[in-house]
PDB file of all heavy atoms in Angstrom:
ATOM      1  N   ARG A   1       0.816  -1.214  -0.016  1.00  0.00           N
ATOM      2  CA  ARG A   1       0.035  -0.027   0.011  1.00  0.00           C
ATOM      3  C   ARG A   1       0.850   1.215  -0.055  1.00  0.00           C
ATOM      4  O   ARG A   1       0.428   2.363   0.372  1.00  0.00           O
ATOM      5  CB  ARG A   1      -0.874  -0.027   1.197  1.00  0.00           C
ATOM      6  CG  ARG A   1      -1.677  -1.205   1.491  1.00  0.00           C
ATOM      7  CD  ARG A   1      -2.737  -1.451   0.415  1.00  0.00           C
ATOM      8  NE  ARG A   1      -3.700  -0.407   0.343  1.00  0.00           N
ATOM      9  CZ  ARG A   1      -4.686  -0.381  -0.561  1.00  0.00           C
ATOM     10  NH1 ARG A   1      -4.830  -1.298  -1.445  1.00  0.00           N
ATOM     11  NH2 ARG A   1      -5.602   0.659  -0.596  1.00  0.00           N
ATOM     12  N   GLN A   2       2.075   1.171  -0.531  1.00  0.00           N
ATOM     13  CA  GLN A   2       3.029   2.316  -0.397  1.00  0.00           C
ATOM     14  C   GLN A   2       2.564   3.484  -1.280  1.00  0.00           C
ATOM     15  O   GLN A   2       2.575   4.636  -0.801  1.00  0.00           O
ATOM     16  CB  GLN A   2       4.436   1.822  -0.912  1.00  0.00           C
ATOM     17  CG  GLN A   2       5.513   2.799  -0.416  1.00  0.00           C
ATOM     18  CD  GLN A   2       6.868   2.402  -0.927  1.00  0.00           C
ATOM     19  OE1 GLN A   2       6.972   1.817  -2.015  1.00  0.00           O
ATOM     20  NE2 GLN A   2       7.897   2.675  -0.116  1.00  0.00           N
ATOM     21  N   ASP A   3       2.126   3.181  -2.481  1.00  0.00           N
ATOM     22  CA  ASP A   3       1.763   4.332  -3.275  1.00  0.00           C
ATOM     23  C   ASP A   3       0.443   5.026  -2.733  1.00  0.00           C
ATOM     24  O   ASP A   3       0.341   6.270  -2.857  1.00  0.00           O
ATOM     25  CB  ASP A   3       1.442   3.810  -4.755  1.00  0.00           C
ATOM     26  CG  ASP A   3       1.320   4.969  -5.681  1.00  0.00           C
ATOM     27  OD1 ASP A   3       2.338   5.638  -6.045  1.00  0.00           O
ATOM     28  OD2 ASP A   3       0.147   5.201  -6.166  1.00  0.00           O
ATOM     29  N   GLN A   4      -0.502   4.244  -2.178  1.00  0.00           N
ATOM     30  CA  GLN A   4      -1.593   4.772  -1.650  1.00  0.00           C
ATOM     31  C   GLN A   4      -1.345   5.651  -0.494  1.00  0.00           C
ATOM     32  O   GLN A   4      -1.967   6.702  -0.389  1.00  0.00           O
ATOM     33  CB  GLN A   4      -2.624   3.634  -1.229  1.00  0.00           C
ATOM     34  CG  GLN A   4      -3.228   2.888  -2.342  1.00  0.00           C
ATOM     35  CD  GLN A   4      -2.353   1.734  -2.842  1.00  0.00           C
ATOM     36  OE1 GLN A   4      -1.186   1.672  -2.555  1.00  0.00           O
ATOM     37  NE2 GLN A   4      -2.973   0.861  -3.600  1.00  0.00           N
ATOM     38  N   LEU A   5      -0.376   5.263   0.413  1.00  0.00           N
ATOM     39  CA  LEU A   5      -0.063   6.039   1.508  1.00  0.00           C
ATOM     40  C   LEU A   5       0.665   7.388   1.158  1.00  0.00           C
ATOM     41  O   LEU A   5       0.348   8.454   1.630  1.00  0.00           O
ATOM     42  CB  LEU A   5       0.808   5.267   2.561  1.00  0.00           C
ATOM     43  CG  LEU A   5       1.182   5.992   3.817  1.00  0.00           C
ATOM     44  CD1 LEU A   5      -0.095   6.514   4.565  1.00  0.00           C
ATOM     45  CD2 LEU A   5       2.004   5.224   4.699  1.00  0.00           C
ATOM     46  N   ILE A   6       1.683   7.297   0.206  1.00  0.00           N
ATOM     47  CA  ILE A   6       2.377   8.482  -0.094  1.00  0.00           C
ATOM     48  C   ILE A   6       1.476   9.584  -0.697  1.00  0.00           C
ATOM     49  O   ILE A   6       1.491  10.698  -0.485  1.00  0.00           O
ATOM     50  CB  ILE A   6       3.636   8.229  -0.945  1.00  0.00           C
ATOM     51  CG1 ILE A   6       4.581   9.326  -0.921  1.00  0.00           C
ATOM     52  CG2 ILE A   6       3.273   7.827  -2.384  1.00  0.00           C
ATOM     53  CD1 ILE A   6       5.932   9.063  -1.508  1.00  0.00           C
ATOM     54  N   GLN A   7       0.505   9.075  -1.501  1.00  0.00           N
ATOM     55  CA  GLN A   7      -0.393   9.969  -2.181  1.00  0.00           C
ATOM     56  C   GLN A   7      -1.326  10.587  -1.130  1.00  0.00           C
ATOM     57  O   GLN A   7      -1.730  11.768  -1.137  1.00  0.00           O
ATOM     58  CB  GLN A   7      -1.219   9.258  -3.291  1.00  0.00           C
ATOM     59  CG  GLN A   7      -2.010  10.300  -4.223  1.00  0.00           C
ATOM     60  CD  GLN A   7      -1.083  11.242  -4.890  1.00  0.00           C
ATOM     61  OE1 GLN A   7       0.012  10.857  -5.225  1.00  0.00           O
ATOM     62  NE2 GLN A   7      -1.525  12.450  -5.018  1.00  0.00           N
ATOM     63  N   THR A   8      -1.764   9.827  -0.206  1.00  0.00           N
ATOM     64  CA  THR A   8      -2.569  10.245   0.928  1.00  0.00           C
ATOM     65  C   THR A   8      -1.857  11.270   1.803  1.00  0.00           C
ATOM     66  O   THR A   8      -2.478  12.379   2.157  1.00  0.00           O
ATOM     67  CB  THR A   8      -3.026   9.156   1.758  1.00  0.00           C
ATOM     68  OG1 THR A   8      -3.823   8.266   1.034  1.00  0.00           O
ATOM     69  CG2 THR A   8      -3.916   9.653   2.920  1.00  0.00           C
ATOM     70  N   LEU A   9      -0.597  11.123   2.047  1.00  0.00           N
ATOM     71  CA  LEU A   9       0.208  12.021   2.854  1.00  0.00           C
ATOM     72  C   LEU A   9       0.458  13.342   2.002  1.00  0.00           C
ATOM     73  O   LEU A   9       0.497  14.422   2.638  1.00  0.00           O
ATOM     74  CB  LEU A   9       1.537  11.441   3.280  1.00  0.00           C
ATOM     75  CG  LEU A   9       1.520  10.216   4.241  1.00  0.00           C
ATOM     76  CD1 LEU A   9       2.834   9.545   4.316  1.00  0.00           C
ATOM     77  CD2 LEU A   9       0.990  10.781   5.590  1.00  0.00           C
ATOM     78  N   TYR A  10       0.714  13.197   0.648  1.00  0.00           N
ATOM     79  CA  TYR A  10       0.943  14.465  -0.055  1.00  0.00           C
ATOM     80  C   TYR A  10      -0.318  15.237  -0.021  1.00  0.00           C
ATOM     81  O   TYR A  10      -0.236  16.511   0.151  1.00  0.00           O
ATOM     82  CB  TYR A  10       1.231  14.026  -1.526  1.00  0.00           C
ATOM     83  CG  TYR A  10       2.656  13.631  -1.918  1.00  0.00           C
ATOM     84  CD1 TYR A  10       2.969  12.634  -2.780  1.00  0.00           C
ATOM     85  CD2 TYR A  10       3.705  14.352  -1.252  1.00  0.00           C
ATOM     86  CE1 TYR A  10       4.298  12.365  -3.066  1.00  0.00           C
ATOM     87  CE2 TYR A  10       4.950  14.039  -1.604  1.00  0.00           C
ATOM     88  CZ  TYR A  10       5.267  13.076  -2.470  1.00  0.00           C
ATOM     89  OH  TYR A  10       6.589  12.767  -2.776  1.00  0.00           O
ATOM     90  N   ARG A  11      -1.441  14.639  -0.320  1.00  0.00           N
ATOM     91  CA  ARG A  11      -2.728  15.404  -0.382  1.00  0.00           C
ATOM     92  C   ARG A  11      -2.922  16.118   1.047  1.00  0.00           C
ATOM     93  O   ARG A  11      -3.377  17.266   1.135  1.00  0.00           O
ATOM     94  CB  ARG A  11      -3.892  14.508  -0.670  1.00  0.00           C
ATOM     95  CG  ARG A  11      -5.230  15.244  -0.902  1.00  0.00           C
ATOM     96  CD  ARG A  11      -6.383  14.298  -0.695  1.00  0.00           C
ATOM     97  NE  ARG A  11      -6.456  13.999   0.642  1.00  0.00           N
ATOM     98  CZ  ARG A  11      -6.571  12.740   1.160  1.00  0.00           C
ATOM     99  NH1 ARG A  11      -6.586  11.739   0.384  1.00  0.00           N
ATOM    100  NH2 ARG A  11      -6.715  12.538   2.441  1.00  0.00           N
ATOM    101  N   ALA A  12      -2.758  15.308   2.087  1.00  0.00           N
ATOM    102  CA  ALA A  12      -2.963  15.964   3.416  1.00  0.00           C
ATOM    103  C   ALA A  12      -2.095  17.102   3.699  1.00  0.00           C
ATOM    104  O   ALA A  12      -2.431  18.121   4.216  1.00  0.00           O
ATOM    105  CB  ALA A  12      -2.776  14.832   4.549  1.00  0.00           C
ATOM    106  N   ASN A  13      -0.803  16.982   3.263  1.00  0.00           N
ATOM    107  CA  ASN A  13       0.192  18.043   3.665  1.00  0.00           C
ATOM    108  C   ASN A  13      -0.078  19.292   2.706  1.00  0.00           C
ATOM    109  O   ASN A  13       0.136  20.376   3.147  1.00  0.00           O
ATOM    110  CB  ASN A  13       1.607  17.535   3.379  1.00  0.00           C
ATOM    111  CG  ASN A  13       2.602  18.534   3.811  1.00  0.00           C
ATOM    112  OD1 ASN A  13       2.505  19.204   4.771  1.00  0.00           O
ATOM    113  ND2 ASN A  13       3.708  18.599   2.982  1.00  0.00           N
ATOM    114  N   PHE A  14      -0.296  19.016   1.439  1.00  0.00           N
ATOM    115  CA  PHE A  14      -0.351  20.208   0.455  1.00  0.00           C
ATOM    116  C   PHE A  14      -1.714  20.747   0.173  1.00  0.00           C
ATOM    117  O   PHE A  14      -1.808  21.858  -0.273  1.00  0.00           O
ATOM    118  CB  PHE A  14       0.318  19.777  -0.850  1.00  0.00           C
ATOM    119  CG  PHE A  14       1.845  19.554  -0.603  1.00  0.00           C
ATOM    120  CD1 PHE A  14       2.363  18.302  -0.722  1.00  0.00           C
ATOM    121  CD2 PHE A  14       2.671  20.626  -0.402  1.00  0.00           C
ATOM    122  CE1 PHE A  14       3.640  18.065  -0.634  1.00  0.00           C
ATOM    123  CE2 PHE A  14       4.067  20.412  -0.233  1.00  0.00           C
ATOM    124  CZ  PHE A  14       4.586  19.079  -0.339  1.00  0.00           C
ATOM    125  N   ALA A  15      -2.764  20.010   0.404  1.00  0.00           N
ATOM    126  CA  ALA A  15      -4.124  20.376   0.046  1.00  0.00           C
ATOM    127  C   ALA A  15      -5.049  20.573   1.159  1.00  0.00           C
ATOM    128  O   ALA A  15      -6.097  21.389   1.011  1.00  0.00           O
ATOM    129  CB  ALA A  15      -4.614  19.432  -1.009  1.00  0.00           C
ATOM    130  N   GLU A  16      -4.846  19.943   2.273  1.00  0.00           N
ATOM    131  CA  GLU A  16      -5.834  20.007   3.350  1.00  0.00           C
ATOM    132  C   GLU A  16      -5.468  20.986   4.407  1.00  0.00           C
ATOM    133  O   GLU A  16      -4.304  21.355   4.650  1.00  0.00           O
ATOM    134  CB  GLU A  16      -5.964  18.637   3.891  1.00  0.00           C
ATOM    135  CG  GLU A  16      -6.540  17.563   3.036  1.00  0.00           C
ATOM    136  CD  GLU A  16      -6.856  16.313   3.587  1.00  0.00           C
ATOM    137  OE1 GLU A  16      -6.502  16.041   4.841  1.00  0.00           O
ATOM    138  OE2 GLU A  16      -7.294  15.332   2.963  1.00  0.00           O
ATOM    139  N   GLU A  17      -6.443  21.546   5.151  1.00  0.00           N
ATOM    140  CA  GLU A  17      -6.246  22.562   6.156  1.00  0.00           C
ATOM    141  C   GLU A  17      -5.667  21.902   7.415  1.00  0.00           C
ATOM    142  O   GLU A  17      -4.758  22.556   8.027  1.00  0.00           O
ATOM    143  CB  GLU A  17      -7.477  23.240   6.498  1.00  0.00           C
ATOM    144  CG  GLU A  17      -8.093  24.139   5.429  1.00  0.00           C
ATOM    145  CD  GLU A  17      -9.231  24.977   5.838  1.00  0.00           C
ATOM    146  OE1 GLU A  17      -9.452  25.107   7.026  1.00  0.00           O
ATOM    147  OE2 GLU A  17      -9.850  25.614   4.934  1.00  0.00           O
ATOM    148  N   ARG A  18      -6.039  20.718   7.709  1.00  0.00           N
ATOM    149  CA  ARG A  18      -5.519  20.044   9.004  1.00  0.00           C
ATOM    150  C   ARG A  18      -3.974  19.774   8.725  1.00  0.00           C
ATOM    151  O   ARG A  18      -3.598  19.290   7.692  1.00  0.00           O
ATOM    152  CB  ARG A  18      -6.253  18.824   9.206  1.00  0.00           C
ATOM    153  CG  ARG A  18      -7.663  18.992   9.711  1.00  0.00           C
ATOM    154  CD  ARG A  18      -8.337  17.717   9.936  1.00  0.00           C
ATOM    155  NE  ARG A  18      -7.681  16.922  11.018  1.00  0.00           N
ATOM    156  CZ  ARG A  18      -7.976  15.700  11.242  1.00  0.00           C
ATOM    157  NH1 ARG A  18      -8.776  15.008  10.497  1.00  0.00           N
ATOM    158  NH2 ARG A  18      -7.336  15.010  12.245  1.00  0.00           N
ATOM    159  N   SER A  19      -3.249  19.950   9.753  1.00  0.00           N
ATOM    160  CA  SER A  19      -1.760  19.767   9.776  1.00  0.00           C
ATOM    161  C   SER A  19      -1.430  18.253   9.850  1.00  0.00           C
ATOM    162  O   SER A  19      -2.155  17.522  10.639  1.00  0.00           O
ATOM    163  CB  SER A  19      -1.050  20.605  10.751  1.00  0.00           C
ATOM    164  OG  SER A  19       0.350  20.255  10.900  1.00  0.00           O
ATOM    165  N   VAL A  20      -0.389  17.861   9.151  1.00  0.00           N
ATOM    166  CA  VAL A  20       0.104  16.471   9.421  1.00  0.00           C
ATOM    167  C   VAL A  20       1.224  16.466  10.451  1.00  0.00           C
ATOM    168  O   VAL A  20       1.773  15.472  10.834  1.00  0.00           O
ATOM    169  CB  VAL A  20       0.639  15.872   8.086  1.00  0.00           C
ATOM    170  CG1 VAL A  20      -0.432  15.695   7.050  1.00  0.00           C
ATOM    171  CG2 VAL A  20       1.869  16.683   7.521  1.00  0.00           C
ATOM    172  N   PHE A  21       1.547  17.648  10.984  1.00  0.00           N
ATOM    173  CA  PHE A  21       2.679  17.740  11.913  1.00  0.00           C
ATOM    174  C   PHE A  21       2.259  18.149  13.357  1.00  0.00           C
ATOM    175  O   PHE A  21       3.065  17.781  14.269  1.00  0.00           O
ATOM    176  CB  PHE A  21       3.583  18.964  11.450  1.00  0.00           C
ATOM    177  CG  PHE A  21       4.212  18.619  10.063  1.00  0.00           C
ATOM    178  CD1 PHE A  21       3.801  19.414   8.957  1.00  0.00           C
ATOM    179  CD2 PHE A  21       5.163  17.691   9.920  1.00  0.00           C
ATOM    180  CE1 PHE A  21       4.342  19.194   7.693  1.00  0.00           C
ATOM    181  CE2 PHE A  21       5.732  17.429   8.649  1.00  0.00           C
ATOM    182  CZ  PHE A  21       5.391  18.134   7.554  1.00  0.00           C
ATOM    183  N   THR A  22       1.179  18.686  13.609  1.00  0.00           N
ATOM    184  CA  THR A  22       0.773  19.259  14.901  1.00  0.00           C
ATOM    185  C   THR A  22      -0.318  18.504  15.647  1.00  0.00           C
ATOM    186  O   THR A  22      -0.499  18.762  16.821  1.00  0.00           O
ATOM    187  CB  THR A  22       0.320  20.738  14.802  1.00  0.00           C
ATOM    188  OG1 THR A  22      -0.913  20.758  13.947  1.00  0.00           O
ATOM    189  CG2 THR A  22       1.430  21.598  14.157  1.00  0.00           C
ATOM    190  N   GLU A  23      -0.929  17.477  15.038  1.00  0.00           N
ATOM    191  CA  GLU A  23      -2.021  16.766  15.733  1.00  0.00           C
ATOM    192  C   GLU A  23      -1.542  15.456  16.369  1.00  0.00           C
ATOM    193  O   GLU A  23      -2.440  14.628  16.793  1.00  0.00           O
ATOM    194  CB  GLU A  23      -3.122  16.559  14.703  1.00  0.00           C
ATOM    195  CG  GLU A  23      -3.799  17.873  14.262  1.00  0.00           C
ATOM    196  CD  GLU A  23      -5.076  17.653  13.523  1.00  0.00           C
ATOM    197  OE1 GLU A  23      -5.698  16.506  13.651  1.00  0.00           O
ATOM    198  OE2 GLU A  23      -5.455  18.535  12.685  1.00  0.00           O
ATOM    199  N   GLY A  24      -0.331  15.183  16.312  1.00  0.00           N
ATOM    200  CA  GLY A  24       0.199  13.930  17.024  1.00  0.00           C
ATOM    201  C   GLY A  24       0.111  12.730  16.111  1.00  0.00           C
ATOM    202  O   GLY A  24      -0.350  12.722  14.918  1.00  0.00           O
ATOM    203  N   ASP A  25       0.350  11.534  16.815  1.00  0.00           N
ATOM    204  CA  ASP A  25       0.471  10.323  16.028  1.00  0.00           C
ATOM    205  C   ASP A  25      -0.965   9.910  15.488  1.00  0.00           C
ATOM    206  O   ASP A  25      -1.052   9.264  14.404  1.00  0.00           O
ATOM    207  CB  ASP A  25       1.014   9.225  16.921  1.00  0.00           C
ATOM    208  CG  ASP A  25       2.507   9.326  17.156  1.00  0.00           C
ATOM    209  OD1 ASP A  25       3.040  10.165  16.503  1.00  0.00           O
ATOM    210  OD2 ASP A  25       2.980   8.613  18.011  1.00  0.00           O
ATOM    211  N   GLU A  26      -1.983  10.291  16.159  1.00  0.00           N
ATOM    212  CA  GLU A  26      -3.307   9.753  15.683  1.00  0.00           C
ATOM    213  C   GLU A  26      -3.722  10.372  14.310  1.00  0.00           C
ATOM    214  O   GLU A  26      -4.390   9.752  13.630  1.00  0.00           O
ATOM    215  CB  GLU A  26      -4.383  10.112  16.791  1.00  0.00           C
ATOM    216  CG  GLU A  26      -4.444   9.170  17.900  1.00  0.00           C
ATOM    217  CD  GLU A  26      -4.602   7.690  17.393  1.00  0.00           C
ATOM    218  OE1 GLU A  26      -5.574   7.415  16.763  1.00  0.00           O
ATOM    219  OE2 GLU A  26      -3.667   6.900  17.840  1.00  0.00           O
ATOM    220  N   ARG A  27      -3.155  11.525  14.081  1.00  0.00           N
ATOM    221  CA  ARG A  27      -3.380  12.109  12.744  1.00  0.00           C
ATOM    222  C   ARG A  27      -2.791  11.228  11.652  1.00  0.00           C
ATOM    223  O   ARG A  27      -3.348  10.881  10.608  1.00  0.00           O
ATOM    224  CB  ARG A  27      -2.818  13.493  12.580  1.00  0.00           C
ATOM    225  CG  ARG A  27      -2.882  14.162  11.220  1.00  0.00           C
ATOM    226  CD  ARG A  27      -4.265  14.312  10.695  1.00  0.00           C
ATOM    227  NE  ARG A  27      -4.302  15.157   9.494  1.00  0.00           N
ATOM    228  CZ  ARG A  27      -5.152  15.042   8.499  1.00  0.00           C
ATOM    229  NH1 ARG A  27      -6.052  14.140   8.558  1.00  0.00           N
ATOM    230  NH2 ARG A  27      -5.136  15.850   7.436  1.00  0.00           N
ATOM    231  N   LEU A  28      -1.599  10.717  11.799  1.00  0.00           N
ATOM    232  CA  LEU A  28      -0.888   9.921  10.927  1.00  0.00           C
ATOM    233  C   LEU A  28      -1.581   8.513  10.840  1.00  0.00           C
ATOM    234  O   LEU A  28      -1.639   7.852   9.845  1.00  0.00           O
ATOM    235  CB  LEU A  28       0.599   9.779  11.336  1.00  0.00           C
ATOM    236  CG  LEU A  28       1.430  11.043  11.248  1.00  0.00           C
ATOM    237  CD1 LEU A  28       2.921  10.672  11.546  1.00  0.00           C
ATOM    238  CD2 LEU A  28       1.310  11.710   9.830  1.00  0.00           C
ATOM    239  N   VAL A  29      -2.044   8.057  11.998  1.00  0.00           N
ATOM    240  CA  VAL A  29      -2.764   6.747  12.057  1.00  0.00           C
ATOM    241  C   VAL A  29      -4.051   6.905  11.138  1.00  0.00           C
ATOM    242  O   VAL A  29      -4.342   5.937  10.359  1.00  0.00           O
ATOM    243  CB  VAL A  29      -3.163   6.365  13.436  1.00  0.00           C
ATOM    244  CG1 VAL A  29      -4.098   5.100  13.466  1.00  0.00           C
ATOM    245  CG2 VAL A  29      -1.920   5.980  14.276  1.00  0.00           C
ATOM    246  N   GLU A  30      -4.723   7.963  11.271  1.00  0.00           N
ATOM    247  CA  GLU A  30      -5.897   8.233  10.508  1.00  0.00           C
ATOM    248  C   GLU A  30      -5.622   8.207   8.976  1.00  0.00           C
ATOM    249  O   GLU A  30      -6.334   7.566   8.210  1.00  0.00           O
ATOM    250  CB  GLU A  30      -6.481   9.628  10.904  1.00  0.00           C
ATOM    251  CG  GLU A  30      -7.687  10.098  10.055  1.00  0.00           C
ATOM    252  CD  GLU A  30      -8.012  11.449  10.327  1.00  0.00           C
ATOM    253  OE1 GLU A  30      -7.962  11.864  11.549  1.00  0.00           O
ATOM    254  OE2 GLU A  30      -8.388  12.282   9.431  1.00  0.00           O
ATOM    255  N   LEU A  31      -4.509   8.819   8.628  1.00  0.00           N
ATOM    256  CA  LEU A  31      -4.145   8.818   7.242  1.00  0.00           C
ATOM    257  C   LEU A  31      -3.691   7.487   6.786  1.00  0.00           C
ATOM    258  O   LEU A  31      -4.012   7.044   5.622  1.00  0.00           O
ATOM    259  CB  LEU A  31      -3.123   9.913   7.004  1.00  0.00           C
ATOM    260  CG  LEU A  31      -3.519  11.328   7.235  1.00  0.00           C
ATOM    261  CD1 LEU A  31      -2.281  12.279   7.305  1.00  0.00           C
ATOM    262  CD2 LEU A  31      -4.474  11.827   6.139  1.00  0.00           C
ATOM    263  N   ALA A  32      -2.984   6.783   7.608  1.00  0.00           N
ATOM    264  CA  ALA A  32      -2.470   5.376   7.253  1.00  0.00           C
ATOM    265  C   ALA A  32      -3.734   4.516   7.039  1.00  0.00           C
ATOM    266  O   ALA A  32      -3.754   3.672   6.091  1.00  0.00           O
ATOM    267  CB  ALA A  32      -1.660   4.867   8.337  1.00  0.00           C
ATOM    268  N   THR A  33      -4.748   4.624   7.857  1.00  0.00           N
ATOM    269  CA  THR A  33      -5.993   3.867   7.745  1.00  0.00           C
ATOM    270  C   THR A  33      -6.699   4.199   6.492  1.00  0.00           C
ATOM    271  O   THR A  33      -7.143   3.274   5.699  1.00  0.00           O
ATOM    272  CB  THR A  33      -6.878   4.116   8.918  1.00  0.00           C
ATOM    273  OG1 THR A  33      -6.166   3.736  10.121  1.00  0.00           O
ATOM    274  CG2 THR A  33      -8.158   3.174   8.884  1.00  0.00           C
ATOM    275  N   GLU A  34      -6.738   5.419   6.216  1.00  0.00           N
ATOM    276  CA  GLU A  34      -7.340   5.909   4.836  1.00  0.00           C
ATOM    277  C   GLU A  34      -6.709   5.298   3.698  1.00  0.00           C
ATOM    278  O   GLU A  34      -7.294   5.006   2.651  1.00  0.00           O
ATOM    279  CB  GLU A  34      -7.378   7.422   4.876  1.00  0.00           C
ATOM    280  CG  GLU A  34      -7.987   7.999   3.607  1.00  0.00           C
ATOM    281  CD  GLU A  34      -7.932   9.556   3.628  1.00  0.00           C
ATOM    282  OE1 GLU A  34      -7.835  10.121   4.663  1.00  0.00           O
ATOM    283  OE2 GLU A  34      -7.958  10.139   2.536  1.00  0.00           O
ATOM    284  N   ALA A  35      -5.387   5.019   3.796  1.00  0.00           N
ATOM    285  CA  ALA A  35      -4.630   4.441   2.679  1.00  0.00           C
ATOM    286  C   ALA A  35      -4.705   2.876   2.652  1.00  0.00           C
ATOM    287  O   ALA A  35      -4.070   2.326   1.791  1.00  0.00           O
ATOM    288  CB  ALA A  35      -3.145   4.858   2.777  1.00  0.00           C
ATOM    289  N   GLY A  36      -5.416   2.391   3.598  1.00  0.00           N
ATOM    290  CA  GLY A  36      -5.591   0.914   3.615  1.00  0.00           C
ATOM    291  C   GLY A  36      -4.792   0.108   4.663  1.00  0.00           C
ATOM    292  O   GLY A  36      -4.748  -1.123   4.569  1.00  0.00           O
ATOM    293  N   LEU A  37      -4.023   0.767   5.456  1.00  0.00           N
ATOM    294  CA  LEU A  37      -3.222   0.119   6.466  1.00  0.00           C
ATOM    295  C   LEU A  37      -4.034  -0.171   7.718  1.00  0.00           C
ATOM    296  O   LEU A  37      -4.984   0.502   8.033  1.00  0.00           O
ATOM    297  CB  LEU A  37      -1.948   0.944   6.837  1.00  0.00           C
ATOM    298  CG  LEU A  37      -0.694   0.791   5.931  1.00  0.00           C
ATOM    299  CD1 LEU A  37      -1.032   1.462   4.622  1.00  0.00           C
ATOM    300  CD2 LEU A  37       0.482   1.490   6.602  1.00  0.00           C
ATOM    301  N   ASP A  38      -3.534  -1.149   8.456  1.00  0.00           N
ATOM    302  CA  ASP A  38      -4.206  -1.536   9.769  1.00  0.00           C
ATOM    303  C   ASP A  38      -3.781  -0.408  10.786  1.00  0.00           C
ATOM    304  O   ASP A  38      -2.655  -0.100  10.946  1.00  0.00           O
ATOM    305  CB  ASP A  38      -3.711  -2.878  10.201  1.00  0.00           C
ATOM    306  CG  ASP A  38      -4.316  -3.242  11.515  1.00  0.00           C
ATOM    307  OD1 ASP A  38      -5.549  -3.545  11.677  1.00  0.00           O
ATOM    308  OD2 ASP A  38      -3.644  -3.230  12.535  1.00  0.00           O
ATOM    309  N   ALA A  39      -4.824   0.143  11.501  1.00  0.00           N
ATOM    310  CA  ALA A  39      -4.529   1.189  12.429  1.00  0.00           C
ATOM    311  C   ALA A  39      -3.680   0.785  13.513  1.00  0.00           C
ATOM    312  O   ALA A  39      -2.756   1.524  13.963  1.00  0.00           O
ATOM    313  CB  ALA A  39      -5.897   1.718  12.955  1.00  0.00           C
ATOM    314  N   GLU A  40      -3.860  -0.433  14.080  1.00  0.00           N
ATOM    315  CA  GLU A  40      -3.040  -0.880  15.218  1.00  0.00           C
ATOM    316  C   GLU A  40      -1.582  -1.088  14.787  1.00  0.00           C
ATOM    317  O   GLU A  40      -0.568  -0.875  15.565  1.00  0.00           O
ATOM    318  CB  GLU A  40      -3.604  -2.180  15.816  1.00  0.00           C
ATOM    319  CG  GLU A  40      -4.935  -1.885  16.631  1.00  0.00           C
ATOM    320  CD  GLU A  40      -4.696  -0.805  17.718  1.00  0.00           C
ATOM    321  OE1 GLU A  40      -3.685  -0.815  18.439  1.00  0.00           O
ATOM    322  OE2 GLU A  40      -5.539   0.129  17.808  1.00  0.00           O
TER     323      GLU A  40
END
Protein backbone atom coordinates (compact mmCIF):
# COMPACT_ATOMS: atom_id res chain seq x y z
CA ARG A 1 0.00 0.00 0.00
CA GLN A 2 3.01 2.29 -0.40
CA ASP A 3 1.73 4.33 -3.32
CA GLN A 4 -1.66 4.78 -1.66
CA LEU A 5 -0.06 6.06 1.53
CA ILE A 6 2.37 8.48 -0.08
CA GLN A 7 -0.41 10.00 -2.17
CA THR A 8 -2.60 10.31 0.93
CA LEU A 9 0.21 12.03 2.82
CA TYR A 10 0.93 14.40 -0.07
CA ARG A 11 -2.71 15.40 -0.31
CA ALA A 12 -2.98 15.92 3.43
CA ASN A 13 0.17 18.05 3.58
CA PHE A 14 -0.32 20.17 0.50
CA ALA A 15 -4.07 20.39 0.01
CA GLU A 16 -5.86 20.02 3.34
CA GLU A 17 -6.24 22.55 6.14
CA ARG A 18 -5.45 20.08 8.94
CA SER A 19 -1.77 19.75 9.71
CA VAL A 20 0.13 16.48 9.40
CA PHE A 21 2.67 17.79 11.93
CA THR A 22 0.79 19.26 14.90
CA GLU A 23 -1.98 16.78 15.71
CA GLY A 24 0.20 13.94 16.99
CA ASP A 25 0.44 10.31 15.99
CA GLU A 26 -3.32 9.80 15.70
CA ARG A 27 -3.42 12.11 12.68
CA LEU A 28 -0.88 9.87 10.94
CA VAL A 29 -2.79 6.75 12.02
CA GLU A 30 -5.93 8.24 10.51
CA LEU A 31 -4.15 8.85 7.21
CA ALA A 32 -2.53 5.41 7.24
CA THR A 33 -5.95 3.82 7.75
CA GLU A 34 -7.36 5.89 4.90
CA ALA A 35 -4.62 4.45 2.68
CA GLY A 36 -5.61 0.91 3.63
CA LEU A 37 -3.19 0.11 6.46
CA ASP A 38 -4.20 -1.48 9.74
CA ALA A 39 -4.60 1.18 12.41
CA GLU A 40 -3.04 -0.87 15.20
